[in-house]
């Protein structure tokens, strides 16, 4: 429920505070005074987009603050899910900066516009004369029946299942497309896969092969080099051992006189041991070097084949070649196992579709019962609103599953006796659609979840006794919801618990819009003006008093 709305620096509004009644608040004023600005400002705190054009003074920011009373578990859950601190008194603030950027706050916590819009959709239900055209839209007509039949929770369950069904069907379509491509490419992919598998590629193999080839192709040069090296150790005349041993012996003579000489002698001994080990390693390498033309041929052949496949698949190394092999195996696997996957997926789709059909059938049954009740309940209200022969026929046809269930719904209407009911958009006038919309709001009002409802001149096109009945219906809806009603009808305005008037004032520099709550005497004057314009005769003033006396 809206407790207050404060507006600063917005379009033609410099400063304004609006405190509505808990039940029915009416707002009047001449055309062009700016009544719609209130709704525009409220729309901003409910999450609508804005820009710098909304500023009254372009050098200052615009601030709009609304205070709501949020009773009920629904809002506690919402705040918990969005990680916000819940308080029954909720303050929503919107700021539009001169740069055009805007900021939004819920209880002083910065929030995104999407989050603000999500909250706003549960706070206020706004209906303007332009929204009356929604009565022609199928989703609006379905929504009326779903509210009356209390289908909303079942519909949420259905939609969860329906979107799972859509996802499964999309997955099946992709799988069939992949399988079709795999079928057409199978022989080629299988050939390439077998070719790679037969080579049994190992990670990093190309480097190993290249080193082995270099060694094998230069084996004679390597053997000669090793033989010369071994000669240094095994020369019968003077070997490297003999020279180093003599050096060690010369140093040992002096080692008993100096610790330094002793250390040098020990180091030379270590070198002799290391050289012996090196000699053994060289002899081992020399023994392993065998001239094997067949092995060289095999190495060269494998290296060439590996290079060919890397060039063929446009990769730089064996690791990338292994990735190609894995991808080819996956494509071949789709062809080899795809039929089984498709059968399994089709089975899941059929089960999901059966579940959706079952839930959609229950939804449809609820709509049909609600439609029969709506057709009956609507008649006395249509009669009270000047259409004694008015009838509404709800046409429900079975269709394929869709996000709304399995129904196509059309409201057929006739305002006159002997006239065949036809789709509302083809037969109803603007005034008739206004009255229909009001009746719908009256009938679903008790089942609607919105704390606050706003009617913006939805009473257009009616007058006299019909206007009295509309005022009565709006007043009765306010027993269940907070209603804010912008109206030109005195019969409706007289029903309000509070009455505000929007004024536009001009000076030499600028135009300012303000809003005033009217006390009893000023209210009589305002309603008299709504009845007779500038005529303030006793007769008109008495008519205004009479309307106000009939408020209850």
Protein backbone atom coordinates (compact mmCIF):
# COMPACT_ATOMS: atom_id res chain seq x y z
CA UNK A 1 0.00 0.00 0.00
CA UNK A 2 1.31 3.44 -0.96
CA UNK A 3 1.70 5.65 2.12
CA UNK A 4 3.26 8.71 0.49
CA UNK A 5 4.88 9.97 -2.70
CA UNK A 6 7.37 12.87 -2.59
CA UNK A 7 8.53 14.45 -5.85
CA UNK A 8 11.31 17.02 -6.28
CA UNK A 9 12.48 18.64 -9.52
CA UNK A 10 10.44 16.49 -11.92
CA UNK A 11 9.17 17.94 -15.25
CA UNK A 12 6.82 20.78 -14.12
CA UNK A 13 6.89 19.77 -10.44
CA UNK A 14 9.27 21.66 -8.17
CA UNK A 15 8.22 20.10 -4.84
CA UNK A 16 5.18 17.94 -4.18
CA UNK A 17 4.00 15.54 -1.48
CA UNK A 18 1.08 13.20 -2.04
CA UNK A 19 -0.41 11.18 0.85
CA UNK A 20 -3.30 9.00 -0.38
CA UNK A 21 -6.03 7.36 1.66
CA UNK A 22 -5.93 3.66 2.50
CA UNK A 23 -9.12 3.12 0.48
CA UNK A 24 -10.25 5.39 -2.39
CA UNK A 25 -8.34 8.54 -3.33
CA UNK A 26 -9.54 10.60 -6.28
CA UNK A 27 -7.53 13.10 -8.30
CA UNK A 28 -9.13 15.68 -10.55
CA UNK A 29 -8.03 18.69 -12.54
CA UNK A 30 -8.44 20.29 -15.91
CA UNK A 31 -6.97 18.64 -18.97
CA UNK A 32 -3.29 19.53 -19.33
CA UNK A 33 -2.66 20.39 -15.69
CA UNK A 34 -0.29 17.45 -15.28
CA UNK A 35 -2.25 14.68 -13.57
CA UNK A 36 -0.31 12.12 -15.58
CA UNK A 37 2.96 13.46 -14.07
CA UNK A 38 2.05 11.78 -10.78
CA UNK A 39 1.82 8.45 -12.58
CA UNK A 40 5.04 9.18 -14.45
CA UNK A 41 6.87 9.88 -11.19
CA UNK A 42 5.38 6.78 -9.56
CA UNK A 43 6.43 4.77 -12.61
CA UNK A 44 10.04 5.82 -12.03
CA UNK A 45 10.11 4.47 -8.47
CA UNK A 46 8.54 1.28 -9.84
CA UNK A 47 11.44 0.74 -12.24
CA UNK A 48 10.71 2.60 -15.47
CA UNK A 49 13.62 4.16 -17.37
CA UNK A 50 14.28 7.91 -17.35
CA UNK A 51 16.63 10.54 -18.75
CA UNK A 52 17.66 14.13 -18.05
CA UNK A 53 14.59 15.44 -19.89
CA UNK A 54 12.56 14.67 -16.76
CA UNK A 55 14.34 17.42 -14.80
CA UNK A 56 12.48 20.61 -13.85
CA UNK A 57 15.75 22.43 -13.14
CA UNK A 58 18.48 20.90 -15.30
CA UNK A 59 21.19 21.94 -12.87
CA UNK A 60 19.80 19.83 -10.00
CA UNK A 61 19.01 16.15 -9.63
CA UNK A 62 15.46 14.87 -9.56
CA UNK A 63 14.44 12.83 -6.49
CA UNK A 64 11.30 10.76 -6.20
CA UNK A 65 10.60 8.87 -2.98
CA UNK A 66 7.70 6.52 -2.27
CA UNK A 67 6.92 4.89 1.06
CA UNK A 68 5.01 1.60 0.92
CA UNK A 69 3.49 -0.56 3.61
CA UNK A 70 4.43 -4.15 2.78
CA UNK A 71 2.50 -6.64 4.88
CA UNK A 72 2.45 -10.32 4.08
CA UNK A 73 4.87 -13.22 3.72
CA UNK A 74 5.20 -12.70 -0.04
CA UNK A 75 7.26 -9.55 0.39
CA UNK A 76 9.37 -11.03 3.20
CA UNK A 77 10.30 -13.91 0.88
CA UNK A 78 11.07 -11.50 -1.98
CA UNK A 79 13.44 -9.43 0.18
CA UNK A 80 15.13 -12.59 1.48
CA UNK A 81 15.65 -13.95 -2.04
CA UNK A 82 17.12 -10.63 -3.20
CA UNK A 83 19.39 -10.33 -0.14
CA UNK A 84 17.66 -7.15 1.08
CA UNK A 85 16.74 -6.14 4.62
CA UNK A 86 12.97 -6.48 5.03
CA UNK A 87 10.96 -3.84 6.86
CA UNK A 88 7.21 -3.49 6.67
CA UNK A 89 7.76 0.21 5.89
CA UNK A 90 9.64 0.16 2.62
CA UNK A 91 11.22 3.36 1.25
CA UNK A 92 11.97 3.36 -2.48
CA UNK A 93 14.00 6.27 -3.84
CA UNK A 94 14.91 7.12 -7.41
CA UNK A 95 17.41 9.81 -8.37
CA UNK A 96 17.94 11.18 -11.89
CA UNK A 97 21.13 13.19 -12.27
CA UNK A 98 21.61 16.15 -14.66
CA UNK A 99 23.87 13.85 -16.74
CA UNK A 100 20.89 11.58 -17.39
CA UNK A 101 22.20 8.77 -15.22
CA UNK A 102 19.93 7.42 -12.52
CA UNK A 103 20.23 5.59 -9.21
CA UNK A 104 17.72 3.47 -7.34
CA UNK A 105 17.53 2.58 -3.64
CA UNK A 106 15.37 0.28 -1.55
CA UNK A 107 15.63 1.17 2.15
CA UNK A 108 18.83 3.08 1.30
CA UNK A 109 20.40 0.02 -0.32
CA UNK A 110 21.48 0.63 -3.95
CA UNK A 111 19.66 -1.73 -6.33
CA UNK A 112 19.50 -2.35 -10.07
CA UNK A 113 16.62 -1.11 -12.18
CA UNK A 114 15.64 -4.71 -12.97
CA UNK A 115 15.35 -5.55 -9.27
CA UNK A 116 13.32 -2.38 -8.66
CA UNK A 117 11.02 -3.26 -11.54
CA UNK A 118 10.61 -6.78 -10.18
CA UNK A 119 9.45 -5.38 -6.83
CA UNK A 120 7.27 -2.72 -8.45
CA UNK A 121 5.37 -5.32 -10.46
CA UNK A 122 4.07 -6.70 -7.16
CA UNK A 123 3.21 -3.35 -5.59
CA UNK A 124 1.01 -1.39 -7.97
CA UNK A 125 -1.41 -2.30 -10.76
CA UNK A 126 -1.83 0.72 -13.09
CA UNK A 127 -4.71 0.97 -15.58
CA UNK A 128 -5.05 3.90 -17.94
CA UNK A 129 -7.49 4.59 -20.76
CA UNK A 130 -4.77 3.32 -23.12
CA UNK A 131 -4.54 0.07 -21.18
CA UNK A 132 -8.20 -0.57 -21.95
CA UNK A 133 -7.01 -1.85 -25.33
CA UNK A 134 -5.39 -4.76 -23.48
CA UNK A 135 -8.87 -6.19 -23.14
CA UNK A 136 -8.50 -7.25 -26.79
CA UNK A 137 -5.31 -9.23 -26.13
CA UNK A 138 -5.52 -12.97 -25.61
CA UNK A 139 -2.99 -13.06 -22.78
CA UNK A 140 -5.12 -10.52 -20.85
CA UNK A 141 -8.26 -12.60 -21.40
CA UNK A 142 -6.43 -15.77 -20.34
CA UNK A 143 -5.13 -13.91 -17.28
CA UNK A 144 -8.68 -12.97 -16.21
CA UNK A 145 -9.79 -16.62 -16.35
CA UNK A 146 -6.66 -17.81 -14.54
CA UNK A 147 -7.20 -15.36 -11.69
CA UNK A 148 -10.86 -16.34 -11.38
CA UNK A 149 -10.04 -20.06 -11.50
CA UNK A 150 -7.03 -19.68 -9.14
CA UNK A 151 -4.88 -21.34 -11.78
CA UNK A 152 -1.76 -19.26 -11.20
CA UNK A 153 0.21 -21.75 -9.07
CA UNK A 154 -0.74 -24.63 -11.37
CA UNK A 155 0.22 -22.47 -14.35
CA UNK A 156 3.68 -21.86 -12.86
CA UNK A 157 4.14 -25.62 -12.47
CA UNK A 158 2.97 -26.12 -16.04
CA UNK A 159 5.33 -23.47 -17.43
CA UNK A 160 8.32 -25.03 -15.66
CA UNK A 161 7.43 -28.33 -17.32
CA UNK A 162 6.66 -26.70 -20.67
CA UNK A 163 10.02 -24.94 -20.86
CA UNK A 164 11.75 -28.22 -19.94
CA UNK A 165 9.85 -29.79 -22.84
CA UNK A 166 10.97 -27.01 -25.19
CA UNK A 167 14.57 -27.51 -24.03
CA UNK A 168 14.39 -31.27 -24.63
CA UNK A 169 12.91 -30.76 -28.12
CA UNK A 170 15.63 -28.27 -28.93
CA UNK A 171 18.26 -30.76 -27.74
CA UNK A 172 16.68 -33.48 -29.91
CA UNK A 173 16.76 -31.18 -32.95
CA UNK A 174 20.45 -30.42 -32.40
CA UNK A 175 21.27 -34.10 -31.92
CA UNK A 176 19.48 -35.05 -35.14
CA UNK A 177 21.34 -32.33 -37.02
CA UNK A 178 24.65 -33.54 -35.58
CA UNK A 179 23.77 -37.12 -36.45
CA UNK A 180 22.84 -36.11 -40.00
CA UNK A 181 26.19 -34.39 -40.43
CA UNK A 182 27.95 -37.35 -38.82
CA UNK A 183 26.19 -39.73 -41.24
CA UNK A 184 27.31 -37.76 -44.28
CA UNK A 185 30.89 -37.40 -42.98
CA UNK A 186 31.18 -40.79 -41.29
CA UNK A 187 33.26 -42.66 -43.89
CA UNK A 188 35.72 -39.80 -44.25
CA UNK A 189 36.00 -39.23 -40.49
CA UNK A 190 36.36 -42.96 -39.82
CA UNK A 191 39.17 -43.24 -42.40
CA UNK A 192 41.06 -40.35 -40.79
CA UNK A 193 40.48 -41.76 -37.30
CA UNK A 194 41.76 -45.23 -38.30
CA UNK A 195 44.77 -43.60 -39.94
CA UNK A 196 45.67 -41.77 -36.72
CA UNK A 197 44.94 -44.73 -34.48
CA UNK A 198 47.12 -47.07 -36.58
CA UNK A 199 50.10 -44.79 -36.03
CA UNK A 200 49.55 -44.85 -32.23
CA UNK A 201 50.81 -41.30 -31.76
CA UNK A 202 52.46 -40.48 -28.41
CA UNK A 203 52.62 -37.08 -26.77
CA UNK A 204 55.90 -35.30 -27.61
CA UNK A 205 56.94 -38.09 -29.97
CA UNK A 206 58.16 -35.84 -32.79
CA UNK A 207 61.01 -34.49 -30.64
CA UNK A 208 62.11 -38.00 -29.61
CA UNK A 209 62.10 -39.18 -33.23
CA UNK A 210 64.04 -36.15 -34.43
CA UNK A 211 66.78 -36.72 -31.85
CA UNK A 212 66.95 -40.47 -32.60
CA UNK A 213 67.21 -39.77 -36.34
CA UNK A 214 70.03 -37.28 -35.91
CA UNK A 215 71.91 -39.80 -33.86
CA UNK A 216 71.29 -42.70 -36.27
CA UNK A 217 72.09 -40.68 -39.39
CA UNK A 218 75.44 -39.54 -37.92
CA UNK A 219 76.46 -42.81 -36.23
CA UNK A 220 79.88 -43.14 -37.98
CA UNK A 221 80.91 -39.65 -36.97
CA UNK A 222 79.74 -40.33 -33.41
CA UNK A 223 81.63 -43.66 -33.24
CA UNK A 224 84.85 -42.01 -34.42
CA UNK A 225 84.46 -39.28 -31.86
CA UNK A 226 83.87 -41.82 -29.08
CA UNK A 227 86.87 -43.95 -30.14
CA UNK A 228 89.20 -40.95 -30.01
CA UNK A 229 87.83 -40.03 -26.59
CA UNK A 230 88.31 -43.55 -25.25
CA UNK A 231 91.92 -43.52 -26.57
CA UNK A 232 92.71 -40.74 -24.12
CA UNK A 233 91.91 -43.18 -21.33
CA UNK A 234 93.44 -46.34 -22.86
CA UNK A 235 96.59 -45.13 -24.72
CA UNK A 236 99.30 -47.72 -23.84
CA UNK A 237 102.07 -45.15 -24.08
CA UNK A 238 100.67 -42.19 -22.16
CA UNK A 239 97.06 -42.19 -21.00
CA UNK A 240 95.17 -39.42 -19.26
CA UNK A 241 95.25 -41.67 -16.19
CA UNK A 242 99.05 -41.94 -16.23
CA UNK A 243 99.48 -38.18 -16.50
CA UNK A 244 96.96 -37.45 -13.76
CA UNK A 245 98.45 -40.20 -11.52
CA UNK A 246 101.93 -38.76 -11.84
CA UNK A 247 100.53 -35.32 -11.00
CA UNK A 248 98.83 -36.75 -7.92
CA UNK A 249 102.06 -38.55 -6.84
CA UNK A 250 104.10 -35.34 -7.13
CA UNK A 251 101.65 -33.48 -4.91
CA UNK A 252 101.48 -36.33 -2.36
CA UNK A 253 105.20 -35.95 -1.61
CA UNK A 254 104.50 -32.54 -0.12
CA UNK A 255 101.12 -33.33 1.47
CA UNK A 256 102.62 -34.35 4.79
CA UNK A 257 104.12 -30.84 5.09
CA UNK A 258 101.01 -28.85 4.15
CA UNK A 259 97.29 -29.33 4.58
CA UNK A 260 96.71 -27.45 1.29
CA UNK A 261 98.76 -30.01 -0.64
CA UNK A 262 96.86 -32.78 1.06
CA UNK A 263 93.52 -31.21 -0.01
CA UNK A 264 94.77 -30.89 -3.60
CA UNK A 265 95.85 -34.53 -3.60
CA UNK A 266 92.40 -35.61 -2.42
CA UNK A 267 90.73 -33.53 -5.13
CA UNK A 268 92.93 -35.15 -7.80
CA UNK A 269 91.94 -38.55 -6.45
CA UNK A 270 88.27 -37.60 -6.85
CA UNK A 271 88.96 -36.57 -10.45
CA UNK A 272 90.58 -39.97 -11.12
CA UNK A 273 87.44 -41.71 -9.80
CA UNK A 274 85.13 -39.44 -11.93
CA UNK A 275 87.27 -40.07 -15.03
CA UNK A 276 86.95 -43.82 -14.49
CA UNK A 277 83.18 -43.43 -14.44
CA UNK A 278 83.23 -41.26 -17.58
CA UNK A 279 85.31 -43.93 -19.33
CA UNK A 280 82.72 -46.55 -18.47
CA UNK A 281 79.89 -44.36 -19.82
CA UNK A 282 81.75 -43.73 -23.08
CA UNK A 283 82.42 -47.45 -23.54
CA UNK A 284 78.75 -48.18 -22.89
CA UNK A 285 77.63 -45.62 -25.49
CA UNK A 286 80.14 -47.02 -27.95
CA UNK A 287 78.86 -50.60 -27.48
CA UNK A 288 75.26 -49.43 -28.03
CA UNK A 289 76.10 -47.68 -31.27
CA UNK A 290 75.25 -50.23 -33.88
CA UNK A 291 74.88 -49.49 -37.55
CA UNK A 292 71.36 -50.82 -38.27
CA UNK A 293 70.02 -49.67 -41.67
CA UNK A 294 66.63 -51.28 -41.03
CA UNK A 295 66.13 -49.42 -37.75
CA UNK A 296 67.21 -46.15 -39.41
CA UNK A 297 64.69 -46.78 -42.19
CA UNK A 298 61.90 -47.43 -39.67
CA UNK A 299 62.72 -44.28 -37.70
CA UNK A 300 62.78 -42.15 -40.84
CA UNK A 301 59.54 -43.70 -42.12
CA UNK A 302 57.67 -43.06 -38.82
CA UNK A 303 59.00 -39.51 -38.58
CA UNK A 304 57.91 -38.76 -42.17
CA UNK A 305 54.45 -40.24 -41.52
CA UNK A 306 54.04 -38.17 -38.38
CA UNK A 307 55.06 -35.03 -40.28
CA UNK A 308 52.62 -35.87 -43.09
CA UNK A 309 49.69 -36.23 -40.72
CA UNK A 310 50.56 -33.01 -38.89
CA UNK A 311 50.68 -31.19 -42.22
CA UNK A 312 47.43 -32.84 -43.35
CA UNK A 313 45.56 -31.79 -40.22
CA UNK A 314 47.29 -28.38 -40.09
CA UNK A 315 48.78 -28.80 -36.60
CA UNK A 316 52.25 -28.14 -35.18
CA UNK A 317 52.86 -31.05 -32.82
CA UNK A 318 51.77 -34.52 -31.73
CA UNK A 319 49.67 -33.20 -28.83
CA UNK A 320 47.47 -31.26 -31.27
CA UNK A 321 47.30 -34.35 -33.44
CA UNK A 322 45.98 -36.32 -30.46
CA UNK A 323 43.27 -33.66 -30.00
CA UNK A 324 42.24 -34.15 -33.65
CA UNK A 325 42.07 -37.89 -32.99
CA UNK A 326 39.81 -37.30 -29.96
CA UNK A 327 37.49 -35.01 -31.98
CA UNK A 328 37.24 -37.55 -34.81
CA UNK A 329 36.44 -40.27 -32.26
CA UNK A 330 33.64 -38.07 -30.85
CA UNK A 331 32.17 -37.52 -34.32
CA UNK A 332 32.33 -41.19 -35.09
CA UNK A 333 30.75 -41.94 -31.71
CA UNK A 334 27.76 -39.70 -32.54
CA UNK A 335 27.18 -41.77 -35.66
CA UNK A 336 27.61 -45.05 -33.79
CA UNK A 337 25.58 -44.21 -30.65
CA UNK A 338 23.35 -41.37 -31.90
CA UNK A 339 20.34 -43.56 -32.67
CA UNK A 340 20.23 -44.83 -29.09
CA UNK A 341 20.53 -41.31 -27.69
CA UNK A 342 17.72 -40.12 -29.97
CA UNK A 343 15.45 -42.96 -28.86
CA UNK A 344 16.17 -42.18 -25.20
CA UNK A 345 15.56 -38.46 -25.73
CA UNK A 346 12.31 -39.11 -27.61
CA UNK A 347 11.15 -41.25 -24.72
CA UNK A 348 11.88 -38.43 -22.23
CA UNK A 349 10.11 -35.93 -24.48
CA UNK A 350 7.01 -38.11 -24.66
CA UNK A 351 6.94 -38.48 -20.87
CA UNK A 352 7.41 -34.72 -20.38
CA UNK A 353 4.75 -33.95 -22.97
CA UNK A 354 2.29 -36.29 -21.26
CA UNK A 355 2.92 -34.50 -17.95
CA UNK A 356 2.35 -31.11 -19.60
CA UNK A 357 -0.85 -32.30 -21.29
CA UNK A 358 -2.18 -33.57 -17.97
CA UNK A 359 -1.49 -30.25 -16.19
CA UNK A 360 -2.75 -28.22 -19.18
CA UNK A 361 -5.97 -30.25 -19.10
CA UNK A 362 -6.52 -29.35 -15.44
CA UNK A 363 -5.82 -25.68 -16.24
CA UNK A 364 -8.23 -25.80 -19.16
CA UNK A 365 -10.96 -27.33 -17.00
CA UNK A 366 -10.51 -24.55 -14.43
CA UNK A 367 -10.75 -21.94 -17.19
CA UNK A 368 -13.93 -23.45 -18.58
CA UNK A 369 -15.59 -23.38 -15.17
CA UNK A 370 -14.38 -19.80 -14.60
CA UNK A 371 -15.64 -18.81 -18.06
CA UNK A 372 -19.15 -20.12 -17.30
CA UNK A 373 -19.17 -18.21 -14.02
CA UNK A 374 -17.84 -15.05 -15.69
CA UNK A 375 -20.55 -15.12 -18.36
CA UNK A 376 -23.24 -15.30 -15.66
CA UNK A 377 -21.67 -12.89 -13.14
CA UNK A 378 -21.01 -10.23 -15.74
CA UNK A 379 -24.63 -9.73 -16.84
CA UNK A 380 -26.01 -7.78 -13.84
CA UNK A 381 -22.99 -5.48 -13.83
CA UNK A 382 -23.34 -4.79 -17.54
CA UNK A 383 -27.01 -3.98 -16.95
CA UNK A 384 -26.10 -1.62 -14.10
CA UNK A 385 -23.63 0.12 -16.40
CA UNK A 386 -26.21 0.83 -19.10
CA UNK A 387 -25.98 -2.37 -21.13
CA UNK A 388 -29.05 -4.41 -20.04
CA UNK A 389 -28.77 -6.69 -23.07
CA UNK A 390 -24.99 -6.96 -22.86
CA UNK A 391 -23.55 -10.47 -22.95
CA UNK A 392 -20.05 -11.92 -22.87
CA UNK A 393 -19.32 -15.32 -24.37
CA UNK A 394 -15.95 -16.93 -23.68
CA UNK A 395 -14.85 -19.06 -26.62
CA UNK A 396 -12.26 -21.67 -25.63
CA UNK A 397 -10.61 -23.81 -28.31
CA UNK A 398 -8.04 -26.57 -27.82
CA UNK A 399 -4.66 -25.85 -29.41
CA UNK A 400 -1.14 -27.26 -29.24
CA UNK A 401 0.83 -26.81 -26.05
CA UNK A 402 2.17 -23.28 -25.60
CA UNK A 403 3.41 -21.15 -22.64
CA UNK A 404 -0.22 -20.50 -21.60
CA UNK A 405 -1.37 -24.12 -21.71
CA UNK A 406 -3.41 -25.73 -24.47
CA UNK A 407 -6.20 -23.18 -24.94
CA UNK A 408 -7.00 -20.43 -27.42
CA UNK A 409 -9.36 -17.96 -25.72
CA UNK A 410 -11.46 -15.24 -27.31
CA UNK A 411 -13.89 -12.95 -25.48
CA UNK A 412 -16.98 -12.42 -27.64
CA UNK A 413 -19.18 -9.47 -26.71
CA UNK A 414 -22.50 -7.95 -27.64
CA UNK A 415 -24.00 -4.81 -26.09
CA UNK A 416 -27.33 -4.96 -27.92
CA UNK A 417 -30.23 -7.40 -28.12
CA UNK A 418 -30.24 -9.44 -31.33
CA UNK A 419 -26.61 -8.68 -32.06
CA UNK A 420 -24.38 -11.74 -32.47
CA UNK A 421 -21.46 -11.70 -30.02
CA UNK A 422 -18.19 -10.89 -31.76
CA UNK A 423 -14.57 -10.39 -30.64
CA UNK A 424 -14.43 -7.40 -28.29
CA UNK A 425 -11.98 -5.47 -30.48
CA UNK A 426 -14.34 -5.73 -33.47
CA UNK A 427 -17.55 -4.61 -31.82
CA UNK A 428 -17.07 -2.70 -28.54
CA UNK A 429 -16.82 1.09 -28.44
CA UNK A 430 -14.31 2.89 -26.22
CA UNK A 431 -16.96 3.52 -23.56
CA UNK A 432 -18.12 -0.09 -23.65
CA UNK A 433 -14.54 -1.34 -23.28
CA UNK A 434 -14.04 1.03 -20.32
CA UNK A 435 -17.07 -0.43 -18.59
CA UNK A 436 -16.04 -4.00 -19.41
CA UNK A 437 -12.57 -3.37 -18.00
CA UNK A 438 -14.01 -1.97 -14.78
CA UNK A 439 -16.28 -4.99 -14.34
CA UNK A 440 -13.33 -7.31 -14.87
CA UNK A 441 -11.33 -5.41 -12.25
CA UNK A 442 -14.28 -5.56 -9.89
CA UNK A 443 -14.73 -9.32 -10.31
CA UNK A 444 -11.04 -10.20 -10.02
CA UNK A 445 -10.26 -7.52 -7.41
CA UNK A 446 -10.83 -9.84 -4.48
CA UNK A 447 -8.46 -12.42 -5.96
CA UNK A 448 -5.77 -9.99 -7.15
CA UNK A 449 -2.52 -9.83 -5.18
CA UNK A 450 -1.83 -6.12 -5.78
CA UNK A 451 -2.00 -3.93 -2.63
CA UNK A 452 -2.57 -0.78 -4.73
CA UNK A 453 -4.54 -0.25 -7.93
CA UNK A 454 -4.51 2.95 -9.99
CA UNK A 455 -7.28 3.87 -12.44
CA UNK A 456 -6.22 6.61 -14.85
CA UNK A 457 -9.35 7.95 -16.57
CA UNK A 458 -10.70 4.49 -17.34
CA UNK A 459 -14.18 6.03 -16.93
CA UNK A 460 -13.84 7.84 -20.27
CA UNK A 461 -16.94 7.84 -22.47
CA UNK A 462 -19.57 7.43 -19.74
CA UNK A 463 -21.84 9.83 -17.83
CA UNK A 464 -25.09 10.14 -15.86
CA UNK A 465 -26.44 7.06 -14.09
CA UNK A 466 -23.74 4.86 -15.59
CA UNK A 467 -21.08 7.11 -14.07
CA UNK A 468 -22.83 6.74 -10.69
CA UNK A 469 -22.65 2.96 -10.97
CA UNK A 470 -18.98 3.10 -12.00
CA UNK A 471 -18.26 5.25 -8.96
CA UNK A 472 -20.04 2.77 -6.75
CA UNK A 473 -18.08 -0.17 -8.19
CA UNK A 474 -14.74 1.62 -7.82
CA UNK A 475 -15.66 2.45 -4.22
CA UNK A 476 -16.50 -1.21 -3.52
CA UNK A 477 -13.16 -2.34 -4.99
CA UNK A 478 -11.45 0.06 -2.56
CA UNK A 479 -12.80 -2.07 0.30
CA UNK A 480 -10.32 -4.74 -0.84
CA UNK A 481 -7.52 -2.63 -2.31
CA UNK A 482 -6.09 0.84 -2.03
CA UNK A 483 -7.44 2.69 -5.09
CA UNK A 484 -6.09 5.89 -6.61
CA UNK A 485 -8.42 7.14 -9.32
CA UNK A 486 -7.73 9.97 -11.76
CA UNK A 487 -11.12 11.04 -13.09
CA UNK A 488 -13.15 13.72 -14.90
CA UNK A 489 -16.46 12.36 -13.59
CA UNK A 490 -18.07 14.08 -10.58
CA UNK A 491 -19.99 10.88 -9.80
CA UNK A 492 -16.68 9.03 -9.35
CA UNK A 493 -14.87 11.91 -7.64
CA UNK A 494 -17.59 12.13 -4.99
CA UNK A 495 -16.88 8.57 -3.85
CA UNK A 496 -13.33 9.28 -2.70
CA UNK A 497 -12.26 9.27 0.92
CA UNK A 498 -9.71 11.90 -0.08
CA UNK A 499 -9.90 14.29 -3.02
CA UNK A 500 -6.85 15.98 -4.56
CA UNK A 501 -6.80 18.60 -7.27
CA UNK A 502 -3.90 19.09 -9.68
CA UNK A 503 -3.21 22.75 -10.53
CA UNK A 504 -0.96 24.37 -13.10
CA UNK A 505 0.29 27.86 -12.20
CA UNK A 506 2.26 30.24 -14.40
CA UNK A 507 4.38 33.27 -13.62
CA UNK A 508 6.53 35.41 -15.89
CA UNK A 509 9.32 32.81 -15.94
CA UNK A 510 7.90 29.29 -15.69
CA UNK A 511 4.97 26.92 -15.21
CA UNK A 512 4.63 24.84 -12.04
CA UNK A 513 2.33 21.91 -11.34
CA UNK A 514 1.12 21.33 -7.77
CA UNK A 515 -1.42 19.13 -6.01
CA UNK A 516 -3.76 20.16 -3.22
CA UNK A 517 -5.88 18.04 -0.90
CA UNK A 518 -9.35 19.59 -0.91
CA UNK A 519 -11.21 20.23 2.34
CA UNK A 520 -14.99 19.68 2.38
CA UNK A 521 -16.06 23.12 1.10
CA UNK A 522 -13.41 23.24 -1.64
CA UNK A 523 -14.41 19.74 -2.61
CA UNK A 524 -18.00 20.87 -3.13
CA UNK A 525 -16.70 23.66 -5.36
CA UNK A 526 -14.51 21.25 -7.37
CA UNK A 527 -17.30 18.71 -7.93
CA UNK A 528 -19.67 21.55 -8.88
CA UNK A 529 -17.11 22.68 -11.47
CA UNK A 530 -16.85 19.10 -12.76
CA UNK A 531 -20.66 19.09 -13.16
CA UNK A 532 -21.30 22.50 -14.66
CA UNK A 533 -17.98 24.10 -15.49
CA UNK A 534 -17.84 27.72 -14.40
CA UNK A 535 -21.58 27.69 -13.59
CA UNK A 536 -21.72 27.83 -9.78
CA UNK A 537 -25.50 28.21 -9.44
CA UNK A 538 -27.24 26.97 -6.32
CA UNK A 539 -28.65 24.11 -8.35
CA UNK A 540 -25.15 22.93 -9.38
CA UNK A 541 -23.77 23.36 -5.85
CA UNK A 542 -26.71 21.39 -4.42
CA UNK A 543 -26.09 18.62 -6.96
CA UNK A 544 -22.45 18.50 -5.81
CA UNK A 545 -23.51 18.30 -2.16
CA UNK A 546 -25.98 15.57 -3.00
CA UNK A 547 -23.29 13.50 -4.73
CA UNK A 548 -21.01 13.84 -1.72
CA UNK A 549 -23.82 12.89 0.65
CA UNK A 550 -24.33 9.70 -1.37
CA UNK A 551 -20.64 8.77 -0.99
CA UNK A 552 -21.37 6.04 1.47
